């Protein structure tokens, strides 16, 4: 559950941009988060047994050969890619659903970030409580 939640959290920036600015105005700002989520999802599938289709087998990524598990066939690699994509898409949809449900808080944070550029955890709490962050 924790890793699935981390994936959704990583996809939150991209989902927030789509909700606030529209699909046609998404920026490259979430690129690092997407890379992190993709790397985590791939590890979940190839090393941690998160795929019922692939089972609890550790697989080597043929492009890096980092893990010393069995090499994979092209068909298995395609299945890995499909499973990774499914995890990422599910995480994105989860993030989008949560942010849509909490749209008022999303808008408050978006305005705060536009005004202050960065916010600490306490400043986020203050904004959500209707307080002006003390800087």
Protein backbone atom coordinates (compact mmCIF):
# COMPACT_ATOMS: atom_id res chain seq x y z
CA UNK A 1 0.00 0.00 0.00
CA UNK A 2 2.84 2.36 0.86
CA UNK A 3 4.56 1.97 -2.50
CA UNK A 4 1.27 2.38 -4.39
CA UNK A 5 0.65 5.57 -2.38
CA UNK A 6 4.16 6.83 -3.23
CA UNK A 7 3.44 6.28 -6.92
CA UNK A 8 0.21 8.29 -6.68
CA UNK A 9 2.01 11.03 -4.78
CA UNK A 10 4.76 11.17 -7.42
CA UNK A 11 2.13 11.55 -10.14
CA UNK A 12 0.30 14.29 -8.20
CA UNK A 13 2.19 17.20 -9.75
CA UNK A 14 1.32 16.17 -13.27
CA UNK A 15 -2.30 15.46 -12.29
CA UNK A 16 -2.57 18.84 -10.56
CA UNK A 17 -1.31 20.65 -13.66
CA UNK A 18 -3.90 18.91 -15.80
CA UNK A 19 -6.72 19.75 -13.37
CA UNK A 20 -5.71 23.39 -12.86
CA UNK A 21 -4.36 24.38 -16.28
CA UNK A 22 -5.97 21.83 -18.62
CA UNK A 23 -4.44 18.96 -20.55
CA UNK A 24 -3.23 21.27 -23.33
CA UNK A 25 -1.17 23.36 -20.87
CA UNK A 26 0.80 20.67 -19.06
CA UNK A 27 4.45 21.65 -18.59
CA UNK A 28 7.63 19.64 -18.18
CA UNK A 29 7.69 20.54 -14.48
CA UNK A 30 6.72 17.05 -13.34
CA UNK A 31 9.37 15.25 -15.42
CA UNK A 32 11.54 14.28 -12.43
CA UNK A 33 8.49 12.96 -10.55
CA UNK A 34 7.43 10.90 -13.57
CA UNK A 35 10.95 9.45 -13.88
CA UNK A 36 10.98 8.58 -10.18
CA UNK A 37 7.55 6.94 -10.39
CA UNK A 38 8.57 4.99 -13.50
CA UNK A 39 11.75 3.73 -11.85
CA UNK A 40 9.82 2.70 -8.73
CA UNK A 41 7.09 0.97 -10.76
CA UNK A 42 9.69 -0.93 -12.79
CA UNK A 43 11.39 -2.12 -9.59
CA UNK A 44 8.01 -3.14 -8.17
CA UNK A 45 7.35 -5.30 -11.24
CA UNK A 46 10.83 -6.66 -11.99
CA UNK A 47 12.30 -7.06 -8.51
CA UNK A 48 9.51 -7.07 -5.91
CA UNK A 49 6.92 -9.38 -7.45
CA UNK A 50 4.06 -6.87 -7.82
CA UNK A 51 2.75 -8.50 -10.99
CA UNK A 52 0.45 -11.51 -10.89
CA UNK A 53 1.15 -12.03 -14.61
CA UNK A 54 4.92 -12.20 -14.07
CA UNK A 55 4.89 -13.77 -10.63
CA UNK A 56 7.39 -13.43 -7.84
CA UNK A 57 10.46 -13.66 -10.04
CA UNK A 58 13.23 -11.06 -10.15
CA UNK A 59 14.03 -10.02 -13.73
CA UNK A 60 17.08 -8.35 -15.23
CA UNK A 61 16.51 -5.15 -17.15
CA UNK A 62 18.16 -5.99 -20.49
CA UNK A 63 19.12 -2.36 -21.08
CA UNK A 64 21.13 -2.11 -17.85
CA UNK A 65 21.79 -5.71 -16.74
CA UNK A 66 21.98 -4.30 -13.20
CA UNK A 67 20.16 -7.07 -11.37
CA UNK A 68 21.66 -10.52 -11.64
CA UNK A 69 18.39 -12.35 -12.23
CA UNK A 70 17.40 -14.19 -15.38
CA UNK A 71 17.60 -12.35 -18.70
CA UNK A 72 14.20 -11.71 -20.20
CA UNK A 73 12.82 -12.41 -23.62
CA UNK A 74 11.35 -9.69 -25.81
CA UNK A 75 7.85 -10.96 -24.98
CA UNK A 76 8.55 -10.83 -21.24
CA UNK A 77 10.01 -7.34 -21.59
CA UNK A 78 6.84 -6.23 -23.36
CA UNK A 79 4.75 -7.68 -20.52
CA UNK A 80 6.96 -5.87 -17.98
CA UNK A 81 6.44 -2.61 -19.87
CA UNK A 82 2.66 -3.16 -19.92
CA UNK A 83 2.59 -3.92 -16.19
CA UNK A 84 4.75 -0.86 -15.38
CA UNK A 85 2.51 1.35 -17.51
CA UNK A 86 -0.59 -0.02 -15.77
CA UNK A 87 0.87 0.82 -12.34
CA UNK A 88 1.73 4.35 -13.47
CA UNK A 89 -1.65 4.95 -15.10
CA UNK A 90 -3.44 3.69 -11.99
CA UNK A 91 -1.32 5.96 -9.80
CA UNK A 92 -2.07 8.92 -12.07
CA UNK A 93 -5.81 8.24 -11.99
CA UNK A 94 -5.69 7.88 -8.19
CA UNK A 95 -3.85 11.20 -7.86
CA UNK A 96 -6.28 12.89 -10.23
CA UNK A 97 -9.30 11.53 -8.35
CA UNK A 98 -7.98 12.68 -4.96
CA UNK A 99 -7.03 16.12 -6.26
CA UNK A 100 -10.42 16.53 -7.94
CA UNK A 101 -12.15 15.61 -4.67
CA UNK A 102 -9.92 18.11 -2.82
CA UNK A 103 -10.06 20.77 -5.53
CA UNK A 104 -10.55 23.65 -3.09
CA UNK A 105 -7.35 22.71 -1.24
CA UNK A 106 -5.52 22.23 -4.54
CA UNK A 107 -6.51 25.73 -5.64
CA UNK A 108 -5.39 27.19 -2.30
CA UNK A 109 -1.99 25.53 -2.61
CA UNK A 110 -1.63 26.50 -6.28
CA UNK A 111 -2.27 30.16 -5.41
CA UNK A 112 0.17 29.91 -2.51
CA UNK A 113 2.87 28.45 -4.73
CA UNK A 114 2.32 31.13 -7.36
CA UNK A 115 2.73 33.79 -4.69
CA UNK A 116 5.55 32.27 -2.59
CA UNK A 117 7.22 29.87 -5.11
CA UNK A 118 8.07 27.34 -2.36
CA UNK A 119 6.20 26.29 0.77
CA UNK A 120 7.36 24.37 3.82
CA UNK A 121 5.16 21.74 5.42
CA UNK A 122 4.04 24.22 8.08
CA UNK A 123 3.31 26.89 5.47
CA UNK A 124 1.13 24.41 3.59
CA UNK A 125 -0.76 23.64 6.80
CA UNK A 126 -1.17 27.37 7.45
CA UNK A 127 -2.55 28.01 3.98
CA UNK A 128 -4.99 25.14 4.23
CA UNK A 129 -6.11 26.49 7.62
CA UNK A 130 -6.75 29.89 6.01
CA UNK A 131 -3.69 31.54 7.56
CA UNK A 132 -1.06 33.59 5.74
CA UNK A 133 2.35 31.89 5.93
CA UNK A 134 4.79 33.69 8.19
CA UNK A 135 8.04 34.32 6.33
